Amino acid sequence: MRSRRTGWGLLVAALVCAGCGAVSPGTTAVSVSAETFPWADLSHYRTYRWWLPPPTAGQGFSERETLVDWYVRHGVDDDLQSRGYRVDVAGSPDFVVRYEVAIREAATSSFRDYMQYRAEGGSKDMGEAFMGYDQGTLTITLVDVATRRVAWRATASAILESDQRGKRIEPAVREMMAKLPATAHAPQ
C-alpha cells in the first residue's frame, strides 16, 4: 500500500514539475541566438548611437510600432549604459545600433545576401543562415562605424504575440543583450 502511494505521489510530482516548465497553450517560446564577428574588437568600443531616430505616431507609425521601438531601445540602452557605453549623437560613435522586426514570415532574398553575410564574417552555411525569418523575429545589430562592418548580431524569434501587448519583447532583448560579450577593457 505504501509503495503504491509513493508511486502515485512521484507520478503527480513529475507531472506538476513537467507542467511548470511548459509553454502555455497558444504561446511560443522565444529562441535567442547571437554571434560576434571575427574582426570585431569590442574592447575598443566606448560610444554608440542609434541608426535612426525613434518613430513617432505623427510620422505615420502606429501605436504598436512605437511601443515595440520603445521596448527595444529602452532594453538596449539600459544594457549598454549599465556596461559603461555612452550615447554619442554629436560626434562619431564607435558603433551604431540597428534593429529590425520581421512582422511577416519572409524568405531571404538572394544568394547575394548570403555572400554579403559571409563577407561580413558570418559562419553559418547557406541553409542555416538563409532559411528566412519567422514572423516576429527581432534582430539587433551592432555596426562598427570605422569599418562599416557588422561587429555583433543577435536574433530572437517569436517576440510578437497575438494580443499585441509586447510582453515578450523586454525579456527577449534582455536575453539577447546578455549574449553580448563582456570585454576586458569595458568602459567605466
C-alpha atoms as a PDB file:
ATOM      1  CA  MET A   1       0.000   0.000   0.000  1.00  0.00           C
ATOM      2  CA  ARG A   2       2.752   2.442   0.971  1.00  0.00           C
ATOM      3  CA  SER A   3       4.760   1.885  -2.243  1.00  0.00           C
ATOM      4  CA  ARG A   4       1.620   2.427  -4.324  1.00  0.00           C
ATOM      5  CA  ARG A   5       1.024   5.835  -2.631  1.00  0.00           C
ATOM      6  CA  THR A   6       4.675   6.740  -3.077  1.00  0.00           C
ATOM      7  CA  GLY A   7       4.461   5.744  -6.767  1.00  0.00           C
ATOM      8  CA  TRP A   8       1.355   7.919  -7.337  1.00  0.00           C
ATOM      9  CA  GLY A   9       2.930  10.754  -5.403  1.00  0.00           C
ATOM     10  CA  LEU A  10       6.047  10.607  -7.550  1.00  0.00           C
ATOM     11  CA  LEU A  11       3.947  10.491 -10.735  1.00  0.00           C
ATOM     12  CA  VAL A  12       1.874  13.513  -9.674  1.00  0.00           C
ATOM     13  CA  ALA A  13       5.026  15.410  -8.663  1.00  0.00           C
ATOM     14  CA  ALA A  14       6.654  14.612 -12.011  1.00  0.00           C
ATOM     15  CA  LEU A  15       3.595  15.811 -13.927  1.00  0.00           C
ATOM     16  CA  VAL A  16       3.426  19.030 -11.914  1.00  0.00           C
ATOM     17  CA  CYS A  17       7.134  19.699 -12.441  1.00  0.00           C
ATOM     18  CA  ALA A  18       6.841  18.984 -16.163  1.00  0.00           C
ATOM     19  CA  GLY A  19       3.964  21.463 -16.380  1.00  0.00           C
ATOM     20  CA  CYS A  20       5.986  24.183 -14.651  1.00  0.00           C
ATOM     21  CA  GLY A  21       8.486  24.428 -17.468  1.00  0.00           C
ATOM     22  CA  ALA A  22       5.992  24.010 -20.265  1.00  0.00           C
ATOM     23  CA  VAL A  23       4.888  26.801 -22.536  1.00  0.00           C
ATOM     24  CA  SER A  24       1.234  27.733 -22.168  1.00  0.00           C
ATOM     25  CA  PRO A  25      -1.096  26.570 -24.940  1.00  0.00           C
ATOM     26  CA  GLY A  26      -1.196  29.078 -27.785  1.00  0.00           C
ATOM     27  CA  THR A  27       2.208  30.587 -26.934  1.00  0.00           C
ATOM     28  CA  THR A  28       5.593  30.047 -28.486  1.00  0.00           C
ATOM     29  CA  ALA A  29       8.912  30.037 -26.672  1.00  0.00           C
ATOM     30  CA  VAL A  30      11.340  32.778 -27.644  1.00  0.00           C
ATOM     31  CA  SER A  31      14.551  31.425 -29.158  1.00  0.00           C
ATOM     32  CA  VAL A  32      17.674  33.637 -28.982  1.00  0.00           C
ATOM     33  CA  SER A  33      20.983  33.346 -30.819  1.00  0.00           C
ATOM     34  CA  ALA A  34      23.960  35.688 -31.234  1.00  0.00           C
ATOM     35  CA  GLU A  35      27.289  35.859 -32.993  1.00  0.00           C
ATOM     36  CA  THR A  36      30.337  38.099 -32.725  1.00  0.00           C
ATOM     37  CA  PHE A  37      32.219  38.504 -35.981  1.00  0.00           C
ATOM     38  CA  PRO A  38      35.925  37.599 -36.005  1.00  0.00           C
ATOM     39  CA  TRP A  39      37.291  41.063 -36.810  1.00  0.00           C
ATOM     40  CA  ALA A  40      35.257  42.814 -34.128  1.00  0.00           C
ATOM     41  CA  ASP A  41      37.319  44.086 -31.212  1.00  0.00           C
ATOM     42  CA  LEU A  42      34.564  45.115 -28.840  1.00  0.00           C
ATOM     43  CA  SER A  43      37.088  46.165 -26.185  1.00  0.00           C
ATOM     44  CA  HIS A  44      37.785  49.378 -28.145  1.00  0.00           C
ATOM     45  CA  TYR A  45      34.162  50.496 -28.206  1.00  0.00           C
ATOM     46  CA  ARG A  46      33.166  53.286 -25.845  1.00  0.00           C
ATOM     47  CA  THR A  47      30.325  55.181 -27.573  1.00  0.00           C
ATOM     48  CA  TYR A  48      27.288  54.339 -29.671  1.00  0.00           C
ATOM     49  CA  ARG A  49      24.326  55.869 -31.479  1.00  0.00           C
ATOM     50  CA  TRP A  50      21.088  54.507 -32.896  1.00  0.00           C
ATOM     51  CA  TRP A  51      20.919  54.083 -36.682  1.00  0.00           C
ATOM     52  CA  LEU A  52      17.641  56.005 -36.917  1.00  0.00           C
ATOM     53  CA  PRO A  53      15.761  58.261 -34.513  1.00  0.00           C
ATOM     54  CA  PRO A  54      12.739  56.731 -32.766  1.00  0.00           C
ATOM     55  CA  PRO A  55       9.490  56.755 -34.757  1.00  0.00           C
ATOM     56  CA  THR A  56       6.522  58.778 -33.605  1.00  0.00           C
ATOM     57  CA  ALA A  57       2.837  58.222 -34.236  1.00  0.00           C
ATOM     58  CA  GLY A  58       2.697  61.577 -36.057  1.00  0.00           C
ATOM     59  CA  GLN A  59       5.180  60.302 -38.659  1.00  0.00           C
ATOM     60  CA  GLY A  60       2.772  57.627 -39.872  1.00  0.00           C
ATOM     61  CA  PHE A  61       3.777  54.903 -37.415  1.00  0.00           C
ATOM     62  CA  SER A  62       1.148  53.008 -35.465  1.00  0.00           C
ATOM     63  CA  GLU A  63       0.985  52.986 -31.695  1.00  0.00           C
ATOM     64  CA  ARG A  64       2.084  49.344 -31.744  1.00  0.00           C
ATOM     65  CA  GLU A  65       5.173  50.186 -33.841  1.00  0.00           C
ATOM     66  CA  THR A  66       6.193  52.985 -31.494  1.00  0.00           C
ATOM     67  CA  LEU A  67       5.643  50.698 -28.481  1.00  0.00           C
ATOM     68  CA  VAL A  68       7.841  47.948 -29.974  1.00  0.00           C
ATOM     69  CA  ASP A  69      10.501  50.569 -30.741  1.00  0.00           C
ATOM     70  CA  TRP A  70      10.380  51.904 -27.174  1.00  0.00           C
ATOM     71  CA  TYR A  71      10.763  48.414 -25.665  1.00  0.00           C
ATOM     72  CA  VAL A  72      13.745  47.585 -27.902  1.00  0.00           C
ATOM     73  CA  ARG A  73      15.545  50.918 -27.428  1.00  0.00           C
ATOM     74  CA  HIS A  74      14.884  51.013 -23.701  1.00  0.00           C
ATOM     75  CA  GLY A  75      16.253  47.484 -23.195  1.00  0.00           C
ATOM     76  CA  VAL A  76      19.330  48.009 -25.367  1.00  0.00           C
ATOM     77  CA  ASP A  77      20.107  51.441 -23.882  1.00  0.00           C
ATOM     78  CA  ASP A  78      19.764  50.130 -20.318  1.00  0.00           C
ATOM     79  CA  ASP A  79      22.114  47.241 -21.010  1.00  0.00           C
ATOM     80  CA  LEU A  80      24.750  49.241 -22.891  1.00  0.00           C
ATOM     81  CA  GLN A  81      24.753  52.104 -20.394  1.00  0.00           C
ATOM     82  CA  SER A  82      24.996  49.679 -17.457  1.00  0.00           C
ATOM     83  CA  ARG A  83      28.145  48.333 -19.143  1.00  0.00           C
ATOM     84  CA  GLY A  84      29.557  51.866 -19.351  1.00  0.00           C
ATOM     85  CA  TYR A  85      28.901  52.723 -23.002  1.00  0.00           C
ATOM     86  CA  ARG A  86      27.834  56.317 -23.693  1.00  0.00           C
ATOM     87  CA  VAL A  87      25.427  57.638 -26.305  1.00  0.00           C
ATOM     88  CA  ASP A  88      27.174  59.938 -28.804  1.00  0.00           C
ATOM     89  CA  VAL A  89      24.771  61.865 -31.037  1.00  0.00           C
ATOM     90  CA  ALA A  90      27.072  64.785 -31.856  1.00  0.00           C
ATOM     91  CA  GLY A  91      30.350  63.147 -32.867  1.00  0.00           C
ATOM     92  CA  SER A  92      31.358  59.899 -34.470  1.00  0.00           C
ATOM     93  CA  PRO A  93      30.479  56.964 -32.198  1.00  0.00           C
ATOM     94  CA  ASP A  94      32.403  53.693 -32.173  1.00  0.00           C
ATOM     95  CA  PHE A  95      29.351  51.676 -33.202  1.00  0.00           C
ATOM     96  CA  VAL A  96      25.789  52.098 -34.408  1.00  0.00           C
ATOM     97  CA  VAL A  97      22.854  50.043 -33.134  1.00  0.00           C
ATOM     98  CA  ARG A  98      20.255  48.853 -35.640  1.00  0.00           C
ATOM     99  CA  TYR A  99      17.272  46.607 -35.191  1.00  0.00           C
ATOM    100  CA  GLU A 100      14.627  45.035 -37.384  1.00  0.00           C
ATOM    101  CA  VAL A 101      11.417  43.210 -36.624  1.00  0.00           C
ATOM    102  CA  ALA A 102      10.038  40.811 -39.219  1.00  0.00           C
ATOM    103  CA  ILE A 103       6.316  41.410 -38.950  1.00  0.00           C
ATOM    104  CA  ARG A 104       5.554  38.757 -41.573  1.00  0.00           C
ATOM    105  CA  GLU A 105       7.276  35.484 -42.334  1.00  0.00           C
ATOM    106  CA  ALA A 106       9.695  36.027 -45.190  1.00  0.00           C
ATOM    107  CA  ALA A 107      12.431  34.203 -47.010  1.00  0.00           C
ATOM    108  CA  THR A 108      15.748  35.904 -47.575  1.00  0.00           C
ATOM    109  CA  SER A 109      16.053  37.453 -50.976  1.00  0.00           C
ATOM    110  CA  SER A 110      19.081  36.038 -52.716  1.00  0.00           C
ATOM    111  CA  PHE A 111      22.435  34.378 -52.950  1.00  0.00           C
ATOM    112  CA  ARG A 112      23.884  37.908 -52.915  1.00  0.00           C
ATOM    113  CA  ASP A 113      22.573  38.357 -49.357  1.00  0.00           C
ATOM    114  CA  TYR A 114      24.328  35.154 -48.321  1.00  0.00           C
ATOM    115  CA  MET A 115      27.598  36.254 -49.917  1.00  0.00           C
ATOM    116  CA  GLN A 116      27.343  39.597 -48.066  1.00  0.00           C
ATOM    117  CA  TYR A 117      26.717  37.687 -44.833  1.00  0.00           C
ATOM    118  CA  ARG A 118      29.844  35.575 -45.424  1.00  0.00           C
ATOM    119  CA  ALA A 119      31.881  38.658 -46.399  1.00  0.00           C
ATOM    120  CA  GLU A 120      30.875  40.193 -43.062  1.00  0.00           C
ATOM    121  CA  GLY A 121      32.250  37.118 -41.303  1.00  0.00           C
ATOM    122  CA  GLY A 122      29.114  35.055 -40.839  1.00  0.00           C
ATOM    123  CA  SER A 123      29.994  31.408 -40.311  1.00  0.00           C
ATOM    124  CA  LYS A 124      26.697  29.609 -40.852  1.00  0.00           C
ATOM    125  CA  ASP A 125      26.126  27.640 -44.043  1.00  0.00           C
ATOM    126  CA  MET A 126      23.602  28.910 -46.567  1.00  0.00           C
ATOM    127  CA  GLY A 127      20.768  26.680 -45.407  1.00  0.00           C
ATOM    128  CA  GLU A 128      21.194  27.590 -41.757  1.00  0.00           C
ATOM    129  CA  ALA A 129      21.774  31.307 -42.344  1.00  0.00           C
ATOM    130  CA  PHE A 130      19.146  31.942 -45.002  1.00  0.00           C
ATOM    131  CA  MET A 131      16.103  29.874 -44.317  1.00  0.00           C
ATOM    132  CA  GLY A 132      14.309  33.174 -43.826  1.00  0.00           C
ATOM    133  CA  TYR A 133      12.859  34.993 -40.857  1.00  0.00           C
ATOM    134  CA  ASP A 134       9.849  33.768 -38.966  1.00  0.00           C
ATOM    135  CA  GLN A 135       7.075  36.149 -38.107  1.00  0.00           C
ATOM    136  CA  GLY A 136       8.010  38.172 -35.051  1.00  0.00           C
ATOM    137  CA  THR A 137      11.797  37.800 -35.343  1.00  0.00           C
ATOM    138  CA  LEU A 138      13.795  40.633 -33.782  1.00  0.00           C
ATOM    139  CA  THR A 139      17.364  41.259 -34.960  1.00  0.00           C
ATOM    140  CA  ILE A 140      19.722  43.642 -33.127  1.00  0.00           C
ATOM    141  CA  THR A 141      22.943  44.529 -34.930  1.00  0.00           C
ATOM    142  CA  LEU A 142      25.993  46.494 -33.797  1.00  0.00           C
ATOM    143  CA  VAL A 143      27.853  48.027 -36.751  1.00  0.00           C
ATOM    144  CA  ASP A 144      31.432  49.265 -36.418  1.00  0.00           C
ATOM    145  CA  VAL A 145      31.420  52.883 -37.651  1.00  0.00           C
ATOM    146  CA  ALA A 146      35.064  52.937 -38.787  1.00  0.00           C
ATOM    147  CA  THR A 147      34.832  49.800 -40.941  1.00  0.00           C
ATOM    148  CA  ARG A 148      31.067  49.808 -41.623  1.00  0.00           C
ATOM    149  CA  ARG A 149      31.036  46.096 -40.885  1.00  0.00           C
ATOM    150  CA  VAL A 150      28.740  44.160 -38.613  1.00  0.00           C
ATOM    151  CA  ALA A 151      30.515  43.503 -35.322  1.00  0.00           C
ATOM    152  CA  TRP A 152      27.794  41.636 -33.421  1.00  0.00           C
ATOM    153  CA  ARG A 153      24.306  40.392 -34.204  1.00  0.00           C
ATOM    154  CA  ALA A 154      21.596  38.731 -32.134  1.00  0.00           C
ATOM    155  CA  THR A 155      18.189  37.401 -33.134  1.00  0.00           C
ATOM    156  CA  ALA A 156      15.150  36.401 -31.133  1.00  0.00           C
ATOM    157  CA  SER A 157      12.197  34.604 -32.680  1.00  0.00           C
ATOM    158  CA  ALA A 158       8.539  34.762 -31.692  1.00  0.00           C
ATOM    159  CA  ILE A 159       8.712  38.103 -29.870  1.00  0.00           C
ATOM    160  CA  LEU A 160       5.308  39.299 -31.074  1.00  0.00           C
ATOM    161  CA  GLU A 161       2.199  37.741 -29.635  1.00  0.00           C
ATOM    162  CA  SER A 162      -1.392  37.861 -30.794  1.00  0.00           C
ATOM    163  CA  ASP A 163      -2.569  40.195 -28.002  1.00  0.00           C
ATOM    164  CA  GLN A 164      -0.034  42.811 -29.181  1.00  0.00           C
ATOM    165  CA  ARG A 165       0.964  43.919 -25.667  1.00  0.00           C
ATOM    166  CA  GLY A 166       4.690  43.394 -26.205  1.00  0.00           C
ATOM    167  CA  LYS A 167       5.183  41.131 -23.165  1.00  0.00           C
ATOM    168  CA  ARG A 168       7.867  39.058 -24.902  1.00  0.00           C
ATOM    169  CA  ILE A 169       9.950  41.959 -26.212  1.00  0.00           C
ATOM    170  CA  GLU A 170      11.620  43.070 -22.971  1.00  0.00           C
ATOM    171  CA  PRO A 171      12.700  39.570 -21.871  1.00  0.00           C
ATOM    172  CA  ALA A 172      13.910  38.792 -25.406  1.00  0.00           C
ATOM    173  CA  VAL A 173      16.010  41.980 -25.552  1.00  0.00           C
ATOM    174  CA  ARG A 174      17.459  41.215 -22.097  1.00  0.00           C
ATOM    175  CA  GLU A 175      18.391  37.703 -23.192  1.00  0.00           C
ATOM    176  CA  MET A 176      19.861  38.971 -26.478  1.00  0.00           C
ATOM    177  CA  MET A 177      21.973  41.622 -24.749  1.00  0.00           C
ATOM    178  CA  ALA A 178      23.179  39.057 -22.214  1.00  0.00           C
ATOM    179  CA  LYS A 179      24.877  37.343 -25.169  1.00  0.00           C
ATOM    180  CA  LEU A 180      26.929  40.471 -25.949  1.00  0.00           C
ATOM    181  CA  PRO A 181      30.424  39.504 -24.802  1.00  0.00           C
ATOM    182  CA  ALA A 182      31.840  41.304 -21.809  1.00  0.00           C
ATOM    183  CA  THR A 183      35.146  42.931 -22.663  1.00  0.00           C
ATOM    184  CA  ALA A 184      38.292  43.075 -20.593  1.00  0.00           C
ATOM    185  CA  HIS A 185      38.520  46.817 -21.248  1.00  0.00           C
ATOM    186  CA  ALA A 186      34.844  47.704 -20.828  1.00  0.00           C
ATOM    187  CA  PRO A 187      34.287  51.430 -20.493  1.00  0.00           C
ATOM    188  CA  GLN A 188      33.834  52.724 -16.982  1.00  0.00           C
END
